[in-house]
Amino acid sequence: MSQNGCTPDIVTCNIYVKALCKEGKPYEACTFLDQVEQFGCTPNSRTFIVLLSALCDKMNFQKALDLFNLVTNRGGKLDAICYEVMIRRFSEANKLKESEDLFNQMIDKGFLPNLHVYNSLIDCFCRNGCSSKASNLFNFMIINGCTPDINTHKAVDTVYRARSHLTLFPSKE
C-alpha cells in the first residue's frame, strides 16, 4: 500500500493484526504494532482486544499482561471490553491474583463490570476455594445493579454444596 502511495489507516492496520492473530501469529502482530505508529496511526481498543485474546490463546498470559500494562502506563485508552477480555481469560486460566488485580483496576478506571466479568471472577474465586471473596463479589455485584444469572448461581452453589456436603439429587437406594 505504501509503495503505491496509499497510507494505511487504523482500520487497515486492525484488519492486518486480526489476520496475523487468526493465523496464530500474535508475536508478529506485536511487532507490526511498532510499525503502525510510523503510518501515523494509533492502535485503538479494538486492536488490543484482538491481540490480547490471541496472546491468551497461545497461553502467553505474561506477554498479554505486559502489553496491557505497557499500553495503560503509556496513557493508552483501553476500554471496558479490554478489561473484560483480560479478566475472563485470566479467570478461565485460574490466574486468580491477576484477575482480581485487573478487576480492581477496572473499577478504579470507572468502568462498570458486566455480568460476564462478575461470573468469571466469582467462578475463579470458587474454584480456588476463596468462598468469602466470591460471596463479597456476589454482594458487590447485586449492590451495583447487576442481576445474577444461572451461571452465577451455579458457581456459588458449588461452593455451598462442597462446604455443606449436600447433594442436589440424593440416590433413591
Protein backbone atom coordinates (compact mmCIF):
# COMPACT_ATOMS: atom_id res chain seq x y z
CA MET A 1 0.00 0.00 0.00
CA SER A 2 2.72 2.42 0.99
CA GLN A 3 4.64 1.76 -2.24
CA ASN A 4 1.52 2.72 -4.20
CA GLY A 5 1.06 5.99 -2.30
CA CYS A 6 -1.75 4.77 -0.07
CA THR A 7 -1.13 5.17 3.63
CA PRO A 8 -2.84 2.54 5.77
CA ASP A 9 -5.27 3.80 8.39
CA ILE A 10 -6.13 2.19 11.72
CA VAL A 11 -8.92 0.10 10.15
CA THR A 12 -6.44 -1.40 7.68
CA CYS A 13 -3.94 -1.98 10.46
CA ASN A 14 -6.59 -3.68 12.62
CA ILE A 15 -7.53 -5.99 9.75
CA TYR A 16 -3.88 -6.95 9.35
CA VAL A 17 -3.43 -7.53 13.10
CA LYS A 18 -6.58 -9.69 13.14
CA ALA A 19 -5.36 -11.70 10.14
CA LEU A 20 -1.99 -12.33 11.80
CA CYS A 21 -3.70 -13.41 15.02
CA LYS A 22 -6.10 -15.70 13.15
CA GLU A 23 -3.06 -17.35 11.59
CA GLY A 24 -1.67 -17.95 15.08
CA LYS A 25 0.97 -15.23 14.77
CA PRO A 26 0.29 -12.80 17.62
CA TYR A 27 4.01 -12.16 18.12
CA GLU A 28 4.29 -10.91 14.54
CA ALA A 29 1.23 -8.75 15.21
CA CYS A 30 3.02 -7.25 18.24
CA THR A 31 6.00 -6.43 16.04
CA PHE A 32 3.68 -4.90 13.45
CA LEU A 33 2.24 -2.60 16.13
CA ASP A 34 5.62 -0.90 16.35
CA GLN A 35 5.27 -0.03 12.65
CA VAL A 36 1.68 1.22 12.98
CA GLU A 37 2.86 4.48 14.53
CA GLN A 38 5.12 5.05 11.51
CA PHE A 39 1.95 5.20 9.41
CA GLY A 40 0.60 7.90 11.69
CA CYS A 41 -1.93 5.55 13.27
CA THR A 42 -2.61 4.95 16.92
CA PRO A 43 -3.73 1.45 17.89
CA ASN A 44 -7.18 1.50 19.48
CA SER A 45 -9.01 -0.76 21.89
CA ARG A 46 -10.15 -2.99 19.01
CA THR A 47 -6.51 -3.58 18.09
CA PHE A 48 -5.70 -4.62 21.62
CA ILE A 49 -8.79 -6.79 22.13
CA VAL A 50 -7.78 -8.96 19.17
CA LEU A 51 -4.13 -9.04 20.18
CA LEU A 52 -4.70 -9.73 23.88
CA SER A 53 -7.13 -12.54 23.05
CA ALA A 54 -4.63 -14.09 20.64
CA LEU A 55 -1.82 -13.96 23.22
CA CYS A 56 -4.10 -15.64 25.76
CA ASP A 57 -4.99 -18.27 23.14
CA LYS A 58 -1.27 -19.01 22.92
CA MET A 59 -1.27 -19.29 26.74
CA ASN A 60 1.19 -16.42 26.95
CA PHE A 61 -0.58 -14.64 29.76
CA GLN A 62 2.55 -12.81 30.86
CA LYS A 63 3.04 -11.25 27.41
CA ALA A 64 -0.66 -10.27 27.36
CA LEU A 65 -0.36 -8.69 30.80
CA ASP A 66 2.90 -6.93 29.84
CA LEU A 67 1.28 -5.48 26.72
CA PHE A 68 -1.82 -4.46 28.67
CA ASN A 69 0.29 -2.71 31.31
CA LEU A 70 2.52 -1.08 28.69
CA VAL A 71 -0.49 0.44 26.97
CA THR A 72 -2.08 1.68 30.20
CA ASN A 73 1.24 3.01 31.55
CA ARG A 74 1.79 4.97 28.33
CA GLY A 75 -1.62 6.59 28.69
CA GLY A 76 -3.30 4.40 26.09
CA LYS A 77 -7.04 4.22 26.24
CA LEU A 78 -8.21 0.70 26.91
CA ASP A 79 -11.94 0.35 27.31
CA ALA A 80 -14.14 -1.85 29.48
CA ILE A 81 -14.14 -4.58 26.82
CA CYS A 82 -10.33 -4.86 27.05
CA TYR A 83 -10.66 -5.33 30.79
CA GLU A 84 -13.44 -7.87 30.27
CA VAL A 85 -11.31 -9.90 27.85
CA MET A 86 -8.38 -9.94 30.24
CA ILE A 87 -10.41 -10.77 33.35
CA ARG A 88 -12.34 -13.55 31.61
CA ARG A 89 -9.26 -15.09 30.03
CA PHE A 90 -7.17 -14.87 33.19
CA SER A 91 -10.02 -16.24 35.32
CA GLU A 92 -10.51 -19.18 32.95
CA ALA A 93 -6.79 -19.94 33.32
CA ASN A 94 -7.04 -19.78 37.14
CA LYS A 95 -4.82 -16.70 37.30
CA LEU A 96 -6.59 -15.53 40.44
CA LYS A 97 -4.31 -12.70 41.57
CA GLU A 98 -4.05 -11.20 38.11
CA SER A 99 -7.83 -11.47 37.57
CA GLU A 100 -8.53 -9.76 40.86
CA ASP A 101 -5.95 -7.03 40.17
CA LEU A 102 -7.45 -6.38 36.73
CA PHE A 103 -10.94 -6.22 38.23
CA ASN A 104 -9.79 -3.64 40.79
CA GLN A 105 -8.08 -1.60 38.05
CA MET A 106 -11.29 -1.75 36.02
CA ILE A 107 -13.27 -0.35 38.96
CA ASP A 108 -10.59 2.30 39.63
CA LYS A 109 -10.85 3.44 35.98
CA GLY A 110 -14.58 3.94 36.45
CA PHE A 111 -15.72 1.05 34.26
CA LEU A 112 -18.73 -0.94 35.40
CA PRO A 113 -18.18 -4.70 35.17
CA ASN A 114 -20.83 -6.63 33.27
CA LEU A 115 -22.34 -9.99 34.14
CA HIS A 116 -19.61 -11.91 32.28
CA VAL A 117 -16.86 -10.22 34.29
CA TYR A 118 -18.60 -10.92 37.59
CA ASN A 119 -19.34 -14.54 36.66
CA SER A 120 -15.77 -15.18 35.52
CA LEU A 121 -14.24 -13.82 38.69
CA ILE A 122 -16.80 -15.39 41.04
CA ASP A 123 -16.22 -18.76 39.35
CA CYS A 124 -12.45 -18.33 39.66
CA PHE A 125 -12.78 -17.49 43.35
CA CYS A 126 -14.98 -20.54 43.88
CA ARG A 127 -12.65 -22.91 42.02
CA ASN A 128 -9.76 -21.67 44.16
CA GLY A 129 -11.53 -22.05 47.49
CA CYS A 130 -12.00 -18.33 48.09
CA SER A 131 -15.64 -18.56 49.11
CA SER A 132 -15.64 -15.37 51.18
CA LYS A 133 -14.24 -13.39 48.23
CA ALA A 134 -16.85 -14.97 45.96
CA SER A 135 -19.58 -14.06 48.43
CA ASN A 136 -18.32 -10.48 48.76
CA LEU A 137 -18.14 -10.09 44.99
CA PHE A 138 -21.62 -11.55 44.63
CA ASN A 139 -22.94 -8.94 47.08
CA PHE A 140 -20.95 -6.17 45.33
CA MET A 141 -22.49 -7.28 42.04
CA ILE A 142 -26.03 -7.00 43.37
CA ILE A 143 -25.37 -3.65 45.09
CA ASN A 144 -24.10 -2.31 41.76
CA GLY A 145 -27.26 -3.32 39.94
CA CYS A 146 -26.03 -6.38 38.08
CA THR A 147 -28.51 -9.24 38.28
CA PRO A 148 -27.03 -12.71 38.78
CA ASP A 149 -27.92 -15.41 36.26
CA ILE A 150 -27.89 -19.20 36.29
CA ASN A 151 -24.09 -19.30 35.85
CA THR A 152 -23.57 -17.04 38.86
CA HIS A 153 -25.76 -19.26 40.98
CA LYS A 154 -24.06 -22.45 39.73
CA ALA A 155 -20.65 -21.18 40.82
CA VAL A 156 -21.86 -20.06 44.23
CA ASP A 157 -23.98 -23.19 44.77
CA THR A 158 -20.98 -25.42 44.02
CA VAL A 159 -19.06 -23.83 46.87
CA TYR A 160 -22.04 -24.06 49.20
CA ARG A 161 -22.58 -27.76 48.43
CA ALA A 162 -18.89 -28.54 48.86
CA ARG A 163 -18.89 -26.87 52.27
CA SER A 164 -22.11 -28.45 53.46
CA HIS A 165 -21.62 -31.85 51.75
CA LEU A 166 -25.14 -31.67 50.32
CA THR A 167 -26.18 -33.23 47.07
CA LEU A 168 -28.88 -31.92 44.83
CA PHE A 169 -30.13 -35.33 43.76
CA PRO A 170 -29.83 -37.94 46.52
CA SER A 171 -29.87 -41.52 45.32
CA LYS A 172 -33.10 -43.47 45.75
CA GLU A 173 -31.41 -46.52 47.25
